[in-house]
Each structure stands twice: as structure tokens, then as C-alpha cells.
Amino acid sequence: MFRYAAFALLLAFGCVMHLSRGTEVTVKDKDDKLCLYANLLVNFTVSYVTSGNKSELAEFELPAEVVSNGSQCDAASSTLKLNFGAGHSWSMNFSVSGNTYQADSITFAYNLSDATVFPKSASTDTLSVTVRPHITDVGMDTCYSCKSKETIQSDSVNQTLWNVLIQAFVSNGTHSENLTTCAADLPATPTASPTTVAPVTNTTATTLSPTTSPTPALPTPATGKFSVKPDNNGTACLLANFALRLRVKQGEKYQEMNLDPNVTRASGSCGVNSSELVLASNDMTVVLTFTNDTKKFRLQSVNVTAKLSSGVIFSEANSSLSLWEAAVGSSYMCNKEQNYTITSRLNIFTFNLQVQPFAVKKGLFSTAEECFLDSDLSFLVPIAVGVALSFLIVLVLLSYLIGRRKSRTGYQSV
């Protein structure tokens, strides 16, 4: 009895001073000690198709009553999994990086056969989306606190989080009294004196638009060397060297972002038929998934989550790609700049690319299969174009001469 009373007294301090009425969850480790604490509000907006082939929006919130089966903690990683309703779940994965931790991903699974939430749905499948929240550099033994709303967008699902309070790694079974506050909750720093601020009108959004002041062109991104190892002492099973730039579209505006390899963490997994490379920095997470059909490999899926300069969390994915194809046992190489349209809202640009997601030996790249742009045959393209134009000019001249000759023949005297 005393233990529970002491625990309740402890909750009156530290993290709990900032609690709101939301979904509150406690997760305990194998020794029955508190290892993860969360209290948060989440709203969902899901686009789905009805049996009448119409698009509808379902709006609902994470209920206060959830089941945390599947949640777990250890020294290096933790998972908060919340199951609710008729087959829905929401989970957040955390990992430790030095003296801080971050949220690596959020996975939301929703069951379209739940007629209460998705009336007249044409599908009965359970679908899922994976995105990355902007929760980084949280000090160990602190609670992450963010009262401001953060909306994370994807193709068919928008998730809005606010009044978030999470300690993903609780030590000694007790909450910390210290907070890591999100940037959105911090007081804004003035950037100019009031006399220089333009008058506020009904078109304030226009005066703040990035399009009113063109963004300078970004420098060529730095080339990073990334690898995935099955364990700390093992050799690499996936290798990738490249520089990466994103171009994202938000509404009618575009923004470009370079991946900085100096602040990017590489992780992932290697399998027989599928391998994954995860690149995570403070501003973006890029997940590249490769498939192997025993003869050739290819890049099948690109999933990008990024925090834009506007503060909006951007998320786009395409899992039906066929890029960077090469024979298994070889690497794929393309030093020239390449531009790929991943979705209507996302383009990626690569430079100095070499990748090998399967059959890596001794942690080294195998012989590379070059892209067409790098091959010796690429010089034939302008030659072929020149030959075709010359042939076209000859045809035009011949047609002109033949026509002129016929014209003269028609006026000869008899």
C-alpha cells in the first residue's frame, strides 16, 4: 500500500505536473518496474473509399482506454504500442543515441472492416502507414514535452499529436522531474525591431510566403558512406555511398533539402529477399527498401519523412519502384546526377551513387554495373540525335528539289 502511495506522490511532481487529459500509459519491464511512461492526445483523419466508389473521410481520436500489449523496453530501444477499437493500433519506436534518445517511427494500423469508424467501406483490409515524428535529441532521464500540435501527413492518413509527454527510457522505475521541451513550445526569438515589420493585412500568409523571396540554390550535397551491420562486431551486409537531395511539394510551394551525412545515423536490416537502409537525421528520415529475385536486385520502395521549414511534417512513400537494378553479387553505380520522381510531391536527386544491398563480401563493394549515364555508350546519344537531324534535313531538301522539278516540267511547251 505504501509503495502505491509513494508512487502517487511522486507523480505529483516532475513529468506529471505537465499532464493533460489524454491517453495515459505505463509500461513495466520484466522486473515489474516502470520503464516507459506516456500521456498524449492523437487525432486521426483517414481517407477511404466506400462501396459506392466515393471517397470519404473518417475522423476519430485515440481513446483514453487502450491496451498496451506489444509495448516493451530495454536499455537501447523501447516500443510503445497501443491497441484500441476493432483491430486498430498505434505504436512509436524509440532508440538511444549516446546521451540522447529519439522517436524513430510511428506506425498506425487501421482496420477498414470496422463499420463504426469506416461506414460502408469498400475494403475490409487492415492497412498501415509508417511515418517519423520530429522527436529527437531528448536527454536521457528526461521527459519529452510538447503541448503544441504536430500534424504528420501521408497519402491517406493525417495524424495530429499534441499535449505529448513521454519518457521512453525510465531509470530506477521512477519518472524524471526534468523536461526536454519541443521547439514549438519555446518562446519565439524576435528577428527584427517592430519598426521594420510590414503592416499586417488580411493577406498575412502571402507576406510570409517563401515564394516572395526566392530560396538560394543549394550547394551539391556531401557524399556519405553508409553501411548496415548485423551486429556491432560483424562486417557490413549492406553498403551505400551517395549524396542525396530531396525536392518536396507542399501545396503550391517547393522546398529542397540536402541530406547531411555528418549528422545522419544509418541503420537497417539485411535479409535473403529484402534489405533495408534507414537514414535518420534531425530533419529527415529516408527508408530505402531493396528486393532480390535471386538474379537481380532493385530499389523497390522509398519512404521519406521530413520537417519542412514551415514546421509541417512531410511524409511520402512509393513501394512499387524498380530503380538501381543490377545482378545479385554486383553493386550498382551511377556517378552522374540522377533525378527520380517518387510521387507527385516528392523527387530525389542522387550524386556519386554506389549501392550493394545483397551478397556483400568482406565488407567491400563487388564489381559495379554502371548506369547508362556513366557508360562509354552515353556519348552515342548526341551523335545519334545529330545523325537523325542530318537525315531529316536531307529528306527535306530532296522533297523540295523533287517538288521544284515537277513544277518546272508542268510548264514545258509542246
Protein backbone atom coordinates (compact mmCIF):
# COMPACT_ATOMS: atom_id res chain seq x y z
CA MET A 1 0.00 0.00 0.00
CA PHE A 2 2.85 2.32 0.91
CA ARG A 3 4.50 1.63 -2.45
CA TYR A 4 1.45 2.81 -4.40
CA ALA A 5 1.02 5.83 -2.14
CA ALA A 6 4.65 6.81 -2.68
CA PHE A 7 4.26 6.33 -6.42
CA ALA A 8 1.18 8.54 -6.46
CA LEU A 9 3.06 11.20 -4.50
CA LEU A 10 5.92 11.02 -6.99
CA LEU A 11 3.53 11.56 -9.89
CA ALA A 12 2.53 14.86 -8.35
CA PHE A 13 5.98 16.17 -9.33
CA GLY A 14 8.18 16.16 -12.41
CA CYS A 15 6.51 14.92 -15.57
CA VAL A 16 3.02 14.71 -14.16
CA MET A 17 2.90 18.41 -13.41
CA HIS A 18 2.52 18.87 -17.17
CA LEU A 19 -0.07 16.16 -17.82
CA SER A 20 -3.26 16.72 -19.74
CA ARG A 21 -6.35 14.64 -20.08
CA GLY A 22 -5.30 12.24 -22.78
CA THR A 23 -4.31 8.64 -23.22
CA GLU A 24 -2.08 7.70 -20.28
CA VAL A 25 0.01 4.55 -20.41
CA THR A 26 2.64 2.98 -18.18
CA VAL A 27 4.88 0.16 -19.36
CA LYS A 28 6.83 -2.06 -16.97
CA ASP A 29 9.90 -4.19 -17.55
CA LYS A 30 10.48 -7.84 -16.67
CA ASP A 31 11.20 -6.83 -13.07
CA ASP A 32 7.82 -5.09 -12.85
CA LYS A 33 9.45 -1.65 -12.75
CA LEU A 34 8.24 1.35 -14.71
CA CYS A 35 10.33 1.65 -17.90
CA LEU A 36 8.18 3.82 -20.20
CA TYR A 37 5.58 6.48 -19.50
CA ALA A 38 3.31 8.30 -21.97
CA ASN A 39 0.41 10.71 -21.84
CA LEU A 40 -0.73 12.22 -25.13
CA LEU A 41 -3.57 13.16 -27.45
CA VAL A 42 -3.76 11.89 -31.04
CA ASN A 43 -6.34 12.68 -33.70
CA PHE A 44 -6.64 10.72 -36.95
CA THR A 45 -8.09 11.74 -40.31
CA VAL A 46 -8.25 8.79 -42.73
CA SER A 47 -9.33 8.89 -46.36
CA TYR A 48 -11.09 5.71 -47.56
CA VAL A 49 -13.33 4.52 -50.40
CA THR A 50 -16.93 3.47 -49.81
CA SER A 51 -18.85 0.72 -51.55
CA GLY A 52 -20.34 3.41 -53.80
CA ASN A 53 -16.81 4.23 -55.02
CA LYS A 54 -16.86 7.57 -53.21
CA SER A 55 -14.02 8.98 -51.14
CA GLU A 56 -14.89 9.67 -47.52
CA LEU A 57 -13.00 10.98 -44.50
CA ALA A 58 -13.10 9.27 -41.14
CA GLU A 59 -12.10 11.44 -38.18
CA PHE A 60 -11.53 9.92 -34.76
CA GLU A 61 -9.16 10.15 -31.80
CA LEU A 62 -7.02 7.83 -29.78
CA PRO A 63 -9.31 6.76 -26.94
CA ALA A 64 -8.37 7.06 -23.29
CA GLU A 65 -8.85 3.31 -22.82
CA VAL A 66 -6.23 1.33 -24.73
CA VAL A 67 -4.37 -1.96 -24.33
CA SER A 68 -0.58 -1.75 -24.34
CA ASN A 69 0.16 -5.33 -25.40
CA GLY A 70 3.30 -5.32 -27.54
CA SER A 71 4.94 -2.47 -25.64
CA GLN A 72 8.43 -3.23 -24.34
CA CYS A 73 11.62 -1.63 -23.04
CA ASP A 74 15.30 -2.37 -22.86
CA ALA A 75 18.47 -0.34 -22.47
CA ALA A 76 18.84 0.57 -26.16
CA SER A 77 15.31 0.62 -27.57
CA SER A 78 11.70 0.78 -26.50
CA THR A 79 8.30 0.44 -28.11
CA LEU A 80 5.01 1.99 -27.09
CA LYS A 81 2.16 0.05 -28.74
CA LEU A 82 -1.45 1.00 -28.13
CA ASN A 83 -4.24 -1.30 -29.33
CA PHE A 84 -7.77 0.06 -29.48
CA GLY A 85 -11.18 -0.37 -31.09
CA ALA A 86 -11.86 -3.20 -33.54
CA GLY A 87 -8.35 -4.06 -34.68
CA HIS A 88 -6.62 -0.66 -34.70
CA SER A 89 -3.17 0.03 -33.26
CA TRP A 90 -0.75 2.92 -32.88
CA SER A 91 2.90 2.41 -31.98
CA MET A 92 6.01 4.53 -31.54
CA ASN A 93 9.55 3.13 -31.60
CA PHE A 94 12.43 4.80 -29.73
CA SER A 95 16.18 4.25 -29.77
CA VAL A 96 19.14 5.53 -27.77
CA SER A 97 21.93 7.53 -29.40
CA GLY A 98 24.70 8.39 -26.94
CA ASN A 99 23.29 10.57 -24.18
CA THR A 100 20.01 11.21 -26.00
CA TYR A 101 17.13 9.28 -27.49
CA GLN A 102 14.70 9.85 -30.33
CA ALA A 103 11.49 8.50 -31.83
CA ASP A 104 12.43 6.58 -34.98
CA SER A 105 8.95 5.90 -36.32
CA ILE A 106 5.22 5.88 -35.75
CA THR A 107 3.16 3.04 -37.24
CA PHE A 108 -0.61 3.40 -37.38
CA ALA A 109 -2.66 0.35 -38.43
CA TYR A 110 -6.38 0.74 -39.11
CA ASN A 111 -9.00 -1.90 -39.82
CA LEU A 112 -11.35 -0.85 -42.62
CA SER A 113 -13.83 -3.56 -41.66
CA ASP A 114 -14.71 -1.57 -38.53
CA ALA A 115 -18.07 -0.19 -39.70
CA THR A 116 -18.32 2.10 -36.69
CA VAL A 117 -15.28 4.10 -37.81
CA PHE A 118 -15.42 3.39 -41.56
CA PRO A 119 -19.10 3.08 -42.52
CA LYS A 120 -19.79 1.50 -45.93
CA SER A 121 -16.10 0.88 -46.57
CA ALA A 122 -15.45 -0.94 -49.84
CA SER A 123 -12.48 -2.74 -48.29
CA THR A 124 -12.14 -4.93 -45.22
CA ASP A 125 -8.34 -4.86 -45.18
CA THR A 126 -6.15 -3.69 -42.34
CA LEU A 127 -3.81 -1.03 -43.71
CA SER A 128 -0.86 0.70 -42.08
CA VAL A 129 1.29 3.79 -42.54
CA THR A 130 4.73 4.44 -41.07
CA VAL A 131 5.98 7.98 -40.52
CA ARG A 132 8.58 9.71 -38.39
CA PRO A 133 7.71 12.35 -35.79
CA HIS A 134 10.07 15.20 -35.04
CA ILE A 135 11.11 13.91 -31.63
CA THR A 136 14.90 13.99 -31.48
CA ASP A 137 17.75 14.74 -29.10
CA VAL A 138 15.73 14.03 -25.96
CA GLY A 139 18.04 13.93 -22.98
CA MET A 140 18.31 10.64 -21.13
CA ASP A 141 16.46 10.73 -17.82
CA THR A 142 14.18 13.48 -19.12
CA CYS A 143 10.59 13.61 -20.32
CA TYR A 144 9.84 14.87 -23.82
CA SER A 145 7.14 17.54 -23.56
CA CYS A 146 5.25 19.18 -26.44
CA LYS A 147 1.92 20.92 -25.92
CA SER A 148 1.86 22.34 -29.47
CA LYS A 149 0.15 20.44 -32.24
CA GLU A 150 2.24 18.48 -34.73
CA THR A 151 0.48 17.20 -37.85
CA ILE A 152 2.16 14.35 -39.70
CA GLN A 153 0.83 13.86 -43.22
CA SER A 154 0.88 10.85 -45.54
CA ASP A 155 -1.06 9.84 -48.64
CA SER A 156 -4.26 8.73 -46.92
CA VAL A 157 -3.74 9.49 -43.23
CA ASN A 158 -3.12 12.64 -41.22
CA GLN A 159 -2.12 12.27 -37.56
CA THR A 160 -2.14 15.21 -35.17
CA LEU A 161 -0.29 14.90 -31.87
CA TRP A 162 -0.42 17.42 -29.02
CA ASN A 163 -0.09 17.64 -25.24
CA VAL A 164 2.56 14.95 -25.62
CA LEU A 165 4.52 13.85 -22.57
CA ILE A 166 6.75 10.81 -22.95
CA GLN A 167 9.70 9.33 -21.12
CA ALA A 168 10.78 6.42 -23.28
CA PHE A 169 13.60 5.24 -21.01
CA VAL A 170 12.73 5.44 -17.32
CA SER A 171 15.59 4.57 -14.98
CA ASN A 172 15.15 3.17 -11.48
CA GLY A 173 11.41 2.78 -12.05
CA THR A 174 10.64 6.47 -11.41
CA HIS A 175 9.80 9.46 -13.60
CA SER A 176 12.30 12.22 -14.13
CA GLU A 177 11.49 15.72 -12.97
CA ASN A 178 13.42 17.21 -15.93
CA LEU A 179 11.90 18.06 -19.31
CA THR A 180 13.13 18.28 -22.89
CA THR A 181 10.72 20.78 -24.41
CA CYS A 182 9.93 20.73 -28.11
CA ALA A 183 10.99 23.72 -30.23
CA ALA A 184 7.36 24.67 -30.95
CA ASP A 185 6.74 25.34 -27.24
CA LEU A 186 9.77 27.58 -26.80
CA PRO A 187 9.29 31.38 -26.92
CA ALA A 188 9.87 32.84 -30.35
CA THR A 189 13.05 34.88 -30.74
CA PRO A 190 12.44 38.29 -32.36
CA THR A 191 14.30 38.65 -35.64
CA ALA A 192 13.68 42.36 -36.26
CA SER A 193 12.65 45.53 -34.46
CA PRO A 194 8.94 46.45 -34.61
CA THR A 195 9.70 49.43 -36.86
CA THR A 196 10.87 47.10 -39.63
CA VAL A 197 7.87 44.80 -39.59
CA ALA A 198 5.47 45.20 -42.51
CA PRO A 199 1.86 46.12 -41.62
CA VAL A 200 -0.40 43.13 -41.01
CA THR A 201 -3.21 42.74 -43.54
CA ASN A 202 -5.76 40.09 -44.45
CA THR A 203 -3.12 38.56 -46.71
CA THR A 204 -0.56 37.89 -43.96
CA ALA A 205 0.08 34.41 -45.34
CA THR A 206 1.17 35.95 -48.63
CA THR A 207 3.73 38.22 -46.96
CA LEU A 208 5.25 35.18 -45.23
CA SER A 209 5.32 33.01 -48.34
CA PRO A 210 8.79 31.71 -49.31
CA THR A 211 7.91 32.49 -52.92
CA THR A 212 8.17 36.23 -52.23
CA SER A 213 11.90 35.77 -51.67
CA PRO A 214 13.42 33.03 -53.88
CA THR A 215 15.42 30.46 -51.96
CA PRO A 216 19.10 30.42 -52.98
CA ALA A 217 20.17 27.29 -54.88
CA LEU A 218 21.51 24.62 -52.55
CA PRO A 219 25.12 23.51 -52.92
CA THR A 220 25.78 19.98 -54.12
CA PRO A 221 25.14 17.67 -51.14
CA ALA A 222 28.07 15.93 -49.49
CA THR A 223 28.62 12.26 -50.27
CA GLY A 224 28.06 9.92 -47.35
CA LYS A 225 29.28 6.38 -46.77
CA PHE A 226 26.62 4.25 -45.10
CA SER A 227 26.52 0.62 -44.06
CA VAL A 228 24.36 -1.87 -42.20
CA LYS A 229 25.92 -4.49 -39.95
CA PRO A 230 24.08 -7.47 -38.46
CA ASP A 231 25.82 -6.82 -35.15
CA ASN A 232 28.45 -4.50 -33.71
CA ASN A 233 31.30 -6.92 -34.36
CA GLY A 234 30.16 -8.14 -37.76
CA THR A 235 31.10 -6.98 -41.23
CA ALA A 236 28.72 -4.92 -43.32
CA CYS A 237 25.89 -6.73 -45.12
CA LEU A 238 24.69 -3.61 -46.98
CA LEU A 239 26.82 -0.82 -48.42
CA ALA A 240 25.74 2.52 -49.88
CA ASN A 241 27.72 5.60 -50.88
CA PHE A 242 25.86 8.60 -52.29
CA ALA A 243 24.83 12.21 -51.91
CA LEU A 244 21.10 12.87 -51.66
CA ARG A 245 18.79 15.83 -52.21
CA LEU A 246 15.03 15.92 -51.71
CA ARG A 247 12.57 18.16 -53.52
CA VAL A 248 9.18 18.18 -51.83
CA LYS A 249 5.93 19.88 -52.78
CA GLN A 250 3.64 21.27 -50.10
CA GLY A 251 0.57 22.87 -51.62
CA GLU A 252 1.86 25.07 -54.42
CA LYS A 253 5.31 25.56 -52.88
CA TYR A 254 8.50 23.57 -53.32
CA GLN A 255 11.38 23.07 -50.92
CA GLU A 256 14.72 21.35 -51.45
CA MET A 257 16.69 19.68 -48.67
CA ASN A 258 20.15 18.09 -48.67
CA LEU A 259 20.92 15.04 -46.56
CA ASP A 260 23.89 15.88 -44.32
CA PRO A 261 25.90 12.67 -43.82
CA ASN A 262 27.75 14.19 -40.85
CA VAL A 263 24.59 14.19 -38.72
CA THR A 264 22.89 11.16 -40.25
CA ARG A 265 22.53 7.83 -38.46
CA ALA A 266 22.47 4.69 -40.63
CA SER A 267 20.62 1.56 -39.57
CA GLY A 268 18.55 -1.14 -41.22
CA SER A 269 18.40 -4.86 -41.85
CA CYS A 270 19.66 -7.48 -44.29
CA GLY A 271 17.65 -10.44 -45.49
CA VAL A 272 17.68 -13.04 -48.21
CA ASN A 273 14.93 -11.45 -50.30
CA SER A 274 14.70 -7.96 -48.79
CA SER A 275 17.13 -5.47 -47.26
CA GLU A 276 16.50 -2.04 -45.78
CA LEU A 277 18.62 1.06 -45.25
CA VAL A 278 17.33 3.68 -42.80
CA LEU A 279 18.98 7.12 -42.81
CA ALA A 280 17.86 9.39 -39.97
CA SER A 281 18.92 12.94 -39.17
CA ASN A 282 17.29 15.70 -37.15
CA ASP A 283 15.35 16.96 -40.17
CA MET A 284 14.55 13.86 -42.18
CA THR A 285 14.31 10.09 -42.28
CA VAL A 286 14.79 8.19 -45.54
CA VAL A 287 13.98 4.48 -45.74
CA LEU A 288 15.22 2.58 -48.81
CA THR A 289 13.96 -0.98 -49.30
CA PHE A 290 15.64 -3.35 -51.78
CA THR A 291 14.31 -6.64 -53.15
CA ASN A 292 16.16 -9.66 -54.52
CA ASP A 293 14.64 -12.03 -57.10
CA THR A 294 17.72 -14.34 -56.90
CA LYS A 295 19.16 -12.94 -60.16
CA LYS A 296 18.84 -9.20 -59.81
CA PHE A 297 18.22 -6.66 -57.08
CA ARG A 298 16.44 -3.32 -57.32
CA LEU A 299 15.28 -0.43 -55.18
CA GLN A 300 11.58 -1.16 -54.66
CA SER A 301 10.48 1.33 -52.00
CA VAL A 302 11.34 4.85 -50.88
CA ASN A 303 9.76 6.28 -47.73
CA VAL A 304 10.62 9.86 -46.74
CA THR A 305 9.60 11.84 -43.67
CA ALA A 306 10.95 15.37 -43.27
CA LYS A 307 10.33 18.50 -41.25
CA LEU A 308 9.86 21.42 -43.62
CA SER A 309 10.92 24.99 -42.97
CA SER A 310 7.24 25.80 -42.31
CA GLY A 311 7.24 23.33 -39.40
CA VAL A 312 4.93 20.87 -41.19
CA ILE A 313 5.94 17.22 -41.14
CA PHE A 314 6.05 15.92 -44.72
CA SER A 315 5.68 12.20 -45.43
CA GLU A 316 5.57 10.39 -48.79
CA ALA A 317 6.26 6.83 -49.92
CA ASN A 318 6.23 4.65 -53.03
CA SER A 319 6.64 0.88 -52.75
CA SER A 320 6.29 -0.05 -56.45
CA LEU A 321 9.58 1.26 -57.83
CA SER A 322 12.17 -0.50 -59.96
CA LEU A 323 15.38 1.53 -59.69
CA TRP A 324 19.12 0.87 -59.32
CA GLU A 325 18.88 -2.59 -60.84
CA ALA A 326 21.95 -4.84 -61.01
CA ALA A 327 22.87 -8.50 -60.77
CA VAL A 328 22.99 -10.02 -57.29
CA GLY A 329 26.63 -10.22 -56.30
CA SER A 330 27.40 -6.93 -58.05
CA SER A 331 26.96 -3.32 -57.00
CA TYR A 332 25.07 -0.58 -58.84
CA MET A 333 26.96 2.62 -59.66
CA CYS A 334 25.96 5.98 -61.11
CA ASN A 335 28.27 8.93 -60.52
CA LYS A 336 26.25 11.38 -62.62
CA GLU A 337 23.33 13.29 -61.13
CA GLN A 338 20.05 11.37 -61.34
CA ASN A 339 16.54 12.72 -60.75
CA TYR A 340 13.74 10.33 -59.78
CA THR A 341 10.06 11.17 -59.41
CA ILE A 342 8.95 9.10 -56.40
CA THR A 343 5.46 10.60 -56.08
CA SER A 344 3.72 13.71 -57.38
CA ARG A 345 5.01 15.50 -54.26
CA LEU A 346 8.49 14.02 -53.96
CA ASN A 347 11.61 13.92 -56.14
CA ILE A 348 15.00 12.62 -55.09
CA PHE A 349 18.34 13.53 -56.63
CA THR A 350 21.41 11.30 -56.23
CA PHE A 351 25.09 12.00 -56.89
CA ASN A 352 28.15 9.70 -56.75
CA LEU A 353 25.93 6.70 -56.13
CA GLN A 354 27.15 3.18 -55.43
CA VAL A 355 25.00 0.65 -53.60
CA GLN A 356 25.07 -3.07 -52.83
CA PRO A 357 22.25 -4.40 -50.64
CA PHE A 358 22.95 -8.14 -51.04
CA ALA A 359 25.88 -10.58 -51.19
CA VAL A 360 28.45 -8.20 -49.71
CA LYS A 361 31.76 -9.99 -49.13
CA LYS A 362 34.36 -8.86 -46.59
CA GLY A 363 32.58 -5.54 -46.20
CA LEU A 364 33.62 -4.35 -49.67
CA PHE A 365 31.74 -3.40 -52.84
CA SER A 366 31.74 -6.01 -55.60
CA THR A 367 32.28 -5.16 -59.27
CA ALA A 368 29.93 -2.36 -60.26
CA GLU A 369 27.35 -2.32 -63.02
CA GLU A 370 27.35 1.23 -64.33
CA CYS A 371 24.29 3.25 -65.18
CA PHE A 372 23.85 4.33 -68.79
CA LEU A 373 24.86 7.91 -67.99
CA ASP A 374 28.26 6.70 -66.78
CA SER A 375 28.83 4.15 -69.57
CA ASP A 376 31.05 4.68 -72.60
CA LEU A 377 27.97 4.42 -74.79
CA SER A 378 26.40 7.57 -73.39
CA PHE A 379 28.35 9.68 -75.91
CA LEU A 380 26.35 7.98 -78.70
CA VAL A 381 23.18 9.78 -77.68
CA PRO A 382 24.16 13.24 -79.01
CA ILE A 383 25.73 11.58 -82.08
CA ALA A 384 22.51 9.66 -82.79
CA VAL A 385 20.50 12.85 -82.39
CA GLY A 386 22.85 14.67 -84.78
CA VAL A 387 22.61 11.89 -87.38
CA ALA A 388 18.82 11.86 -87.13
CA LEU A 389 18.66 15.65 -87.63
CA SER A 390 21.04 15.46 -90.61
CA PHE A 391 18.91 12.72 -92.20
CA LEU A 392 15.81 14.82 -91.65
CA ILE A 393 17.45 17.84 -93.32
CA VAL A 394 18.44 15.70 -96.34
CA LEU A 395 14.87 14.43 -96.68
CA VAL A 396 13.51 17.99 -96.60
CA LEU A 397 15.98 19.11 -99.30
CA LEU A 398 15.17 16.11 -101.53
CA SER A 399 11.46 16.77 -101.17
CA TYR A 400 11.99 20.40 -102.08
CA LEU A 401 14.09 19.56 -105.20
CA ILE A 402 11.68 16.90 -106.42
CA GLY A 403 8.75 19.26 -105.98
CA ARG A 404 10.54 22.03 -107.82
CA ARG A 405 11.42 19.75 -110.73
CA LYS A 406 7.82 18.62 -111.12
CA SER A 407 6.70 22.23 -111.09
CA ARG A 408 9.05 23.10 -113.97
CA THR A 409 8.01 20.05 -116.01
CA GLY A 410 4.37 21.02 -115.83
CA TYR A 411 5.06 24.36 -117.63
CA GLN A 412 7.10 22.99 -120.59
CA SER A 413 5.79 23.92 -124.11
CA VAL A 414 4.73 21.20 -126.57
